[in-house]
Amino acid sequence: MHFPRRRTDLAAFLAVLVTGVVLILCGVRAETVSTVAIGLSTLYAAWQRQEGTPRAPDARDASGPRPPDSGDRRPPER
């Protein structure tokens, strides 16, 4: 199961949320808080990719030609 990762995700989310609330209460502008939150979430995402064994690629990461979607009107790439 993925309980350790979920706990880590929850801890990271709560840390960013609490940091944002504290910064707002200290009078920091909302634009600055959003910049800090984006930076922290980017660092966390990079850290998650470095951890453990590589994940199995999902459909978005698969390389090679894909079957066209029902709304895709472009000709296939050659």
PDB file of N, CA and C in Angstrom:
ATOM      1  N   MET A   1       0.835  -1.183   0.000  1.00  0.00           N
ATOM      2  CA  MET A   1       0.000   0.000   0.000  1.00  0.00           C
ATOM      3  C   MET A   1       0.880   1.246   0.000  1.00  0.00           C
ATOM      4  N   HIS A   2       0.265   2.384  -0.195  1.00  0.00           N
ATOM      5  CA  HIS A   2       0.993   3.632  -0.342  1.00  0.00           C
ATOM      6  C   HIS A   2       0.807   4.545   0.868  1.00  0.00           C
ATOM      7  N   PHE A   3       0.678   3.972   2.060  1.00  0.00           N
ATOM      8  CA  PHE A   3       0.441   4.814   3.227  1.00  0.00           C
ATOM      9  C   PHE A   3       1.593   5.763   3.533  1.00  0.00           C
ATOM     10  N   PRO A   4       2.870   5.328   3.477  1.00  0.00           N
ATOM     11  CA  PRO A   4       3.948   6.286   3.761  1.00  0.00           C
ATOM     12  C   PRO A   4       3.956   7.460   2.792  1.00  0.00           C
ATOM     13  N   ARG A   5       3.724   7.198   1.507  1.00  0.00           N
ATOM     14  CA  ARG A   5       3.716   8.293   0.530  1.00  0.00           C
ATOM     15  C   ARG A   5       2.527   9.221   0.785  1.00  0.00           C
ATOM     16  N   ARG A   6       1.380   8.667   1.122  1.00  0.00           N
ATOM     17  CA  ARG A   6       0.215   9.514   1.403  1.00  0.00           C
ATOM     18  C   ARG A   6       0.469  10.389   2.620  1.00  0.00           C
ATOM     19  N   ARG A   7       1.121   9.834   3.638  1.00  0.00           N
ATOM     20  CA  ARG A   7       1.442  10.639   4.814  1.00  0.00           C
ATOM     21  C   ARG A   7       2.412  11.755   4.451  1.00  0.00           C
ATOM     22  N   THR A   8       3.388  11.435   3.623  1.00  0.00           N
ATOM     23  CA  THR A   8       4.345  12.448   3.189  1.00  0.00           C
ATOM     24  C   THR A   8       3.653  13.525   2.371  1.00  0.00           C
ATOM     25  N   ASP A   9       2.763  13.110   1.471  1.00  0.00           N
ATOM     26  CA  ASP A   9       2.011  14.077   0.669  1.00  0.00           C
ATOM     27  C   ASP A   9       1.158  14.974   1.567  1.00  0.00           C
ATOM     28  N   LEU A  10       0.495  14.375   2.552  1.00  0.00           N
ATOM     29  CA  LEU A  10      -0.336  15.155   3.467  1.00  0.00           C
ATOM     30  C   LEU A  10       0.516  16.121   4.276  1.00  0.00           C
ATOM     31  N   ALA A  11       1.658  15.664   4.767  1.00  0.00           N
ATOM     32  CA  ALA A  11       2.540  16.533   5.544  1.00  0.00           C
ATOM     33  C   ALA A  11       3.037  17.704   4.698  1.00  0.00           C
ATOM     34  N   ALA A  12       3.406  17.430   3.454  1.00  0.00           N
ATOM     35  CA  ALA A  12       3.876  18.500   2.571  1.00  0.00           C
ATOM     36  C   ALA A  12       2.751  19.489   2.283  1.00  0.00           C
ATOM     37  N   PHE A  13       1.552  18.985   2.016  1.00  0.00           N
ATOM     38  CA  PHE A  13       0.410  19.863   1.752  1.00  0.00           C
ATOM     39  C   PHE A  13       0.125  20.758   2.955  1.00  0.00           C
ATOM     40  N   LEU A  14       0.092  20.148   4.134  1.00  0.00           N
ATOM     41  CA  LEU A  14      -0.193  20.928   5.345  1.00  0.00           C
ATOM     42  C   LEU A  14       0.918  21.939   5.632  1.00  0.00           C
ATOM     43  N   ALA A  15       2.161  21.569   5.355  1.00  0.00           N
ATOM     44  CA  ALA A  15       3.261  22.509   5.578  1.00  0.00           C
ATOM     45  C   ALA A  15       3.128  23.730   4.671  1.00  0.00           C
ATOM     46  N   VAL A  16       2.799  23.506   3.404  1.00  0.00           N
ATOM     47  CA  VAL A  16       2.623  24.629   2.481  1.00  0.00           C
ATOM     48  C   VAL A  16       1.405  25.462   2.886  1.00  0.00           C
ATOM     49  N   LEU A  17       0.327  24.799   3.290  1.00  0.00           N
ATOM     50  CA  LEU A  17      -0.875  25.518   3.712  1.00  0.00           C
ATOM     51  C   LEU A  17      -0.605  26.375   4.949  1.00  0.00           C
ATOM     52  N   VAL A  18       0.028  25.796   5.948  1.00  0.00           N
ATOM     53  CA  VAL A  18       0.329  26.540   7.179  1.00  0.00           C
ATOM     54  C   VAL A  18       1.302  27.677   6.885  1.00  0.00           C
ATOM     55  N   THR A  19       2.288  27.423   6.037  1.00  0.00           N
ATOM     56  CA  THR A  19       3.222  28.483   5.670  1.00  0.00           C
ATOM     57  C   THR A  19       2.488  29.645   5.010  1.00  0.00           C
ATOM     58  N   GLY A  20       1.556  29.335   4.114  1.00  0.00           N
ATOM     59  CA  GLY A  20       0.776  30.377   3.455  1.00  0.00           C
ATOM     60  C   GLY A  20      -0.066  31.174   4.435  1.00  0.00           C
ATOM     61  N   VAL A  21      -0.722  30.479   5.361  1.00  0.00           N
ATOM     62  CA  VAL A  21      -1.557  31.165   6.351  1.00  0.00           C
ATOM     63  C   VAL A  21      -0.704  32.066   7.235  1.00  0.00           C
ATOM     64  N   VAL A  22       0.434  31.560   7.687  1.00  0.00           N
ATOM     65  CA  VAL A  22       1.310  32.365   8.543  1.00  0.00           C
ATOM     66  C   VAL A  22       1.817  33.588   7.785  1.00  0.00           C
ATOM     67  N   LEU A  23       2.209  33.411   6.540  1.00  0.00           N
ATOM     68  CA  LEU A  23       2.694  34.556   5.767  1.00  0.00           C
ATOM     69  C   LEU A  23       1.599  35.593   5.549  1.00  0.00           C
ATOM     70  N   ILE A  24       0.379  35.144   5.272  1.00  0.00           N
ATOM     71  CA  ILE A  24      -0.741  36.090   5.100  1.00  0.00           C
ATOM     72  C   ILE A  24      -1.009  36.844   6.405  1.00  0.00           C
ATOM     73  N   LEU A  25      -0.986  36.115   7.528  1.00  0.00           N
ATOM     74  CA  LEU A  25      -1.221  36.760   8.819  1.00  0.00           C
ATOM     75  C   LEU A  25      -0.110  37.739   9.190  1.00  0.00           C
ATOM     76  N   CYS A  26       1.081  37.520   8.669  1.00  0.00           N
ATOM     77  CA  CYS A  26       2.206  38.433   8.923  1.00  0.00           C
ATOM     78  C   CYS A  26       2.190  39.629   7.989  1.00  0.00           C
ATOM     79  N   GLY A  27       1.244  39.684   7.074  1.00  0.00           N
ATOM     80  CA  GLY A  27       1.108  40.844   6.204  1.00  0.00           C
ATOM     81  C   GLY A  27       1.812  40.726   4.866  1.00  0.00           C
ATOM     82  N   VAL A  28       2.227  39.540   4.498  1.00  0.00           N
ATOM     83  CA  VAL A  28       2.884  39.351   3.216  1.00  0.00           C
ATOM     84  C   VAL A  28       1.817  39.376   2.117  1.00  0.00           C
ATOM     85  N   ARG A  29       2.151  39.989   0.982  1.00  0.00           N
ATOM     86  CA  ARG A  29       1.191  40.082  -0.121  1.00  0.00           C
ATOM     87  C   ARG A  29       0.846  38.704  -0.672  1.00  0.00           C
ATOM     88  N   ALA A  30      -0.371  38.565  -1.189  1.00  0.00           N
ATOM     89  CA  ALA A  30      -0.849  37.283  -1.715  1.00  0.00           C
ATOM     90  C   ALA A  30      -0.013  36.806  -2.899  1.00  0.00           C
ATOM     91  N   GLU A  31       0.466  37.717  -3.724  1.00  0.00           N
ATOM     92  CA  GLU A  31       1.292  37.333  -4.868  1.00  0.00           C
ATOM     93  C   GLU A  31       2.583  36.669  -4.416  1.00  0.00           C
ATOM     94  N   THR A  32       3.154  37.194  -3.347  1.00  0.00           N
ATOM     95  CA  THR A  32       4.387  36.624  -2.807  1.00  0.00           C
ATOM     96  C   THR A  32       4.125  35.252  -2.210  1.00  0.00           C
ATOM     97  N   VAL A  33       3.005  35.106  -1.520  1.00  0.00           N
ATOM     98  CA  VAL A  33       2.655  33.815  -0.933  1.00  0.00           C
ATOM     99  C   VAL A  33       2.446  32.777  -2.030  1.00  0.00           C
ATOM    100  N   SER A  34       1.798  33.164  -3.119  1.00  0.00           N
ATOM    101  CA  SER A  34       1.592  32.202  -4.200  1.00  0.00           C
ATOM    102  C   SER A  34       2.915  31.812  -4.845  1.00  0.00           C
ATOM    103  N   THR A  35       3.848  32.742  -4.944  1.00  0.00           N
ATOM    104  CA  THR A  35       5.172  32.421  -5.482  1.00  0.00           C
ATOM    105  C   THR A  35       5.894  31.431  -4.581  1.00  0.00           C
ATOM    106  N   VAL A  36       5.822  31.645  -3.276  1.00  0.00           N
ATOM    107  CA  VAL A  36       6.449  30.726  -2.325  1.00  0.00           C
ATOM    108  C   VAL A  36       5.797  29.345  -2.416  1.00  0.00           C
ATOM    109  N   ALA A  37       4.475  29.303  -2.495  1.00  0.00           N
ATOM    110  CA  ALA A  37       3.776  28.014  -2.577  1.00  0.00           C
ATOM    111  C   ALA A  37       4.139  27.265  -3.855  1.00  0.00           C
ATOM    112  N   ILE A  38       4.232  27.966  -4.965  1.00  0.00           N
ATOM    113  CA  ILE A  38       4.620  27.322  -6.226  1.00  0.00           C
ATOM    114  C   ILE A  38       6.050  26.795  -6.126  1.00  0.00           C
ATOM    115  N   GLY A  39       6.929  27.572  -5.546  1.00  0.00           N
ATOM    116  CA  GLY A  39       8.307  27.127  -5.375  1.00  0.00           C
ATOM    117  C   GLY A  39       8.415  25.892  -4.497  1.00  0.00           C
ATOM    118  N   LEU A  40       7.695  25.891  -3.388  1.00  0.00           N
ATOM    119  CA  LEU A  40       7.729  24.734  -2.493  1.00  0.00           C
ATOM    120  C   LEU A  40       7.131  23.495  -3.149  1.00  0.00           C
ATOM    121  N   SER A  41       6.048  23.665  -3.878  1.00  0.00           N
ATOM    122  CA  SER A  41       5.438  22.506  -4.532  1.00  0.00           C
ATOM    123  C   SER A  41       6.328  21.966  -5.644  1.00  0.00           C
ATOM    124  N   THR A  42       7.057  22.853  -6.326  1.00  0.00           N
ATOM    125  CA  THR A  42       7.990  22.406  -7.357  1.00  0.00           C
ATOM    126  C   THR A  42       9.145  21.623  -6.743  1.00  0.00           C
ATOM    127  N   LEU A  43       9.669  22.110  -5.640  1.00  0.00           N
ATOM    128  CA  LEU A  43      10.728  21.381  -4.948  1.00  0.00           C
ATOM    129  C   LEU A  43      10.245  20.015  -4.471  1.00  0.00           C
ATOM    130  N   TYR A  44       9.039  19.962  -3.948  1.00  0.00           N
ATOM    131  CA  TYR A  44       8.488  18.698  -3.471  1.00  0.00           C
ATOM    132  C   TYR A  44       8.298  17.724  -4.635  1.00  0.00           C
ATOM    133  N   ALA A  45       7.813  18.214  -5.759  1.00  0.00           N
ATOM    134  CA  ALA A  45       7.619  17.344  -6.918  1.00  0.00           C
ATOM    135  C   ALA A  45       8.959  16.797  -7.414  1.00  0.00           C
ATOM    136  N   ALA A  46       9.985  17.633  -7.421  1.00  0.00           N
ATOM    137  CA  ALA A  46      11.308  17.172  -7.833  1.00  0.00           C
ATOM    138  C   ALA A  46      11.842  16.142  -6.852  1.00  0.00           C
ATOM    139  N   TRP A  47      11.624  16.363  -5.580  1.00  0.00           N
ATOM    140  CA  TRP A  47      12.069  15.407  -4.555  1.00  0.00           C
ATOM    141  C   TRP A  47      11.342  14.074  -4.703  1.00  0.00           C
ATOM    142  N   GLN A  48      10.072  14.094  -5.002  1.00  0.00           N
ATOM    143  CA  GLN A  48       9.297  12.862  -5.164  1.00  0.00           C
ATOM    144  C   GLN A  48       9.805  12.060  -6.347  1.00  0.00           C
ATOM    145  N   ARG A  49      10.247  12.706  -7.406  1.00  0.00           N
ATOM    146  CA  ARG A  49      10.749  11.992  -8.585  1.00  0.00           C
ATOM    147  C   ARG A  49      12.092  11.326  -8.310  1.00  0.00           C
ATOM    148  N   GLN A  50      12.871  11.850  -7.379  1.00  0.00           N
ATOM    149  CA  GLN A  50      14.176  11.282  -7.056  1.00  0.00           C
ATOM    150  C   GLN A  50      14.079  10.090  -6.124  1.00  0.00           C
ATOM    151  N   GLU A  51      12.954   9.910  -5.470  1.00  0.00           N
ATOM    152  CA  GLU A  51      12.808   8.914  -4.412  1.00  0.00           C
ATOM    153  C   GLU A  51      12.531   7.524  -4.969  1.00  0.00           C
ATOM    154  N   GLY A  52      13.272   6.533  -4.510  1.00  0.00           N
ATOM    155  CA  GLY A  52      12.962   5.136  -4.767  1.00  0.00           C
ATOM    156  C   GLY A  52      13.108   4.711  -6.220  1.00  0.00           C
ATOM    157  N   THR A  53      12.438   3.620  -6.539  1.00  0.00           N
ATOM    158  CA  THR A  53      12.497   3.071  -7.881  1.00  0.00           C
ATOM    159  C   THR A  53      11.641   3.896  -8.835  1.00  0.00           C
ATOM    160  N   PRO A  54      11.975   3.898 -10.107  1.00  0.00           N
ATOM    161  CA  PRO A  54      11.174   4.661 -11.069  1.00  0.00           C
ATOM    162  C   PRO A  54       9.745   4.129 -11.149  1.00  0.00           C
ATOM    163  N   ARG A  55       8.850   5.042 -11.325  1.00  0.00           N
ATOM    164  CA  ARG A  55       7.448   4.648 -11.464  1.00  0.00           C
ATOM    165  C   ARG A  55       7.218   4.075 -12.847  1.00  0.00           C
ATOM    166  N   ALA A  56       6.191   3.244 -12.950  1.00  0.00           N
ATOM    167  CA  ALA A  56       5.792   2.732 -14.258  1.00  0.00           C
ATOM    168  C   ALA A  56       5.217   3.897 -15.058  1.00  0.00           C
ATOM    169  N   PRO A  57       5.589   4.034 -16.322  1.00  0.00           N
ATOM    170  CA  PRO A  57       5.076   5.161 -17.099  1.00  0.00           C
ATOM    171  C   PRO A  57       3.568   5.019 -17.311  1.00  0.00           C
ATOM    172  N   ASP A  58       2.894   6.124 -17.215  1.00  0.00           N
ATOM    173  CA  ASP A  58       1.463   6.097 -17.509  1.00  0.00           C
ATOM    174  C   ASP A  58       1.254   6.491 -18.965  1.00  0.00           C
ATOM    175  N   ALA A  59       0.024   6.609 -19.354  1.00  0.00           N
ATOM    176  CA  ALA A  59      -0.302   6.861 -20.759  1.00  0.00           C
ATOM    177  C   ALA A  59       0.285   8.183 -21.249  1.00  0.00           C
ATOM    178  N   ARG A  60       0.403   9.176 -20.371  1.00  0.00           N
ATOM    179  CA  ARG A  60       0.925  10.473 -20.797  1.00  0.00           C
ATOM    180  C   ARG A  60       2.422  10.424 -21.044  1.00  0.00           C
ATOM    181  N   ASP A  61       3.137   9.531 -20.341  1.00  0.00           N
ATOM    182  CA  ASP A  61       4.584   9.462 -20.472  1.00  0.00           C
ATOM    183  C   ASP A  61       5.036   8.502 -21.567  1.00  0.00           C
ATOM    184  N   ALA A  62       4.128   7.690 -22.074  1.00  0.00           N
ATOM    185  CA  ALA A  62       4.517   6.681 -23.059  1.00  0.00           C
ATOM    186  C   ALA A  62       4.979   7.363 -24.340  1.00  0.00           C
ATOM    187  N   SER A  63       6.101   6.884 -24.867  1.00  0.00           N
ATOM    188  CA  SER A  63       6.585   7.461 -26.115  1.00  0.00           C
ATOM    189  C   SER A  63       6.036   6.658 -27.284  1.00  0.00           C
ATOM    190  N   GLY A  64       6.148   7.216 -28.446  1.00  0.00           N
ATOM    191  CA  GLY A  64       5.649   6.542 -29.630  1.00  0.00           C
ATOM    192  C   GLY A  64       4.291   7.070 -30.040  1.00  0.00           C
ATOM    193  N   PRO A  65       3.834   6.629 -31.200  1.00  0.00           N
ATOM    194  CA  PRO A  65       2.554   7.149 -31.703  1.00  0.00           C
ATOM    195  C   PRO A  65       1.393   6.669 -30.840  1.00  0.00           C
ATOM    196  N   ARG A  66       0.416   7.543 -30.719  1.00  0.00           N
ATOM    197  CA  ARG A  66      -0.789   7.220 -29.975  1.00  0.00           C
ATOM    198  C   ARG A  66      -1.954   7.161 -30.943  1.00  0.00           C
ATOM    199  N   PRO A  67      -2.942   6.356 -30.635  1.00  0.00           N
ATOM    200  CA  PRO A  67      -4.130   6.382 -31.482  1.00  0.00           C
ATOM    201  C   PRO A  67      -4.825   7.728 -31.331  1.00  0.00           C
ATOM    202  N   PRO A  68      -5.367   8.259 -32.399  1.00  0.00           N
ATOM    203  CA  PRO A  68      -6.005   9.578 -32.296  1.00  0.00           C
ATOM    204  C   PRO A  68      -7.245   9.516 -31.405  1.00  0.00           C
ATOM    205  N   ASP A  69      -7.427  10.614 -30.672  1.00  0.00           N
ATOM    206  CA  ASP A  69      -8.630  10.732 -29.856  1.00  0.00           C
ATOM    207  C   ASP A  69      -9.819  10.966 -30.767  1.00  0.00           C
ATOM    208  N   SER A  70     -11.005  10.842 -30.199  1.00  0.00           N
ATOM    209  CA  SER A  70     -12.208  11.032 -31.009  1.00  0.00           C
ATOM    210  C   SER A  70     -12.285  12.455 -31.557  1.00  0.00           C
ATOM    211  N   GLY A  71     -11.709  13.433 -30.843  1.00  0.00           N
ATOM    212  CA  GLY A  71     -11.760  14.814 -31.306  1.00  0.00           C
ATOM    213  C   GLY A  71     -10.513  15.237 -32.053  1.00  0.00           C
ATOM    214  N   ASP A  72      -9.558  14.338 -32.247  1.00  0.00           N
ATOM    215  CA  ASP A  72      -8.297  14.672 -32.898  1.00  0.00           C
ATOM    216  C   ASP A  72      -8.474  14.602 -34.409  1.00  0.00           C
ATOM    217  N   ARG A  73      -8.312  15.729 -35.091  1.00  0.00           N
ATOM    218  CA  ARG A  73      -8.523  15.793 -36.534  1.00  0.00           C
ATOM    219  C   ARG A  73      -7.215  15.919 -37.302  1.00  0.00           C
ATOM    220  N   ARG A  74      -6.093  15.893 -36.605  1.00  0.00           N
ATOM    221  CA  ARG A  74      -4.808  16.044 -37.278  1.00  0.00           C
ATOM    222  C   ARG A  74      -4.432  14.722 -37.963  1.00  0.00           C
ATOM    223  N   PRO A  75      -3.710  14.825 -39.079  1.00  0.00           N
ATOM    224  CA  PRO A  75      -3.217  13.573 -39.708  1.00  0.00           C
ATOM    225  C   PRO A  75      -2.117  12.976 -38.844  1.00  0.00           C
ATOM    226  N   PRO A  76      -1.927  11.683 -38.887  1.00  0.00           N
ATOM    227  CA  PRO A  76      -0.877  11.055 -38.076  1.00  0.00           C
ATOM    228  C   PRO A  76       0.501  11.568 -38.469  1.00  0.00           C
ATOM    229  N   GLU A  77       1.398  11.641 -37.488  1.00  0.00           N
ATOM    230  CA  GLU A  77       2.763  12.099 -37.750  1.00  0.00           C
ATOM    231  C   GLU A  77       3.537  11.016 -38.482  1.00  0.00           C
ATOM    232  N   ARG A  78       4.450  11.445 -39.355  1.00  0.00           N
ATOM    233  CA  ARG A  78       5.247  10.472 -40.110  1.00  0.00           C
ATOM    234  C   ARG A  78       6.694  10.613 -39.793  1.00  0.00           C
TER     235      ARG A  78
END
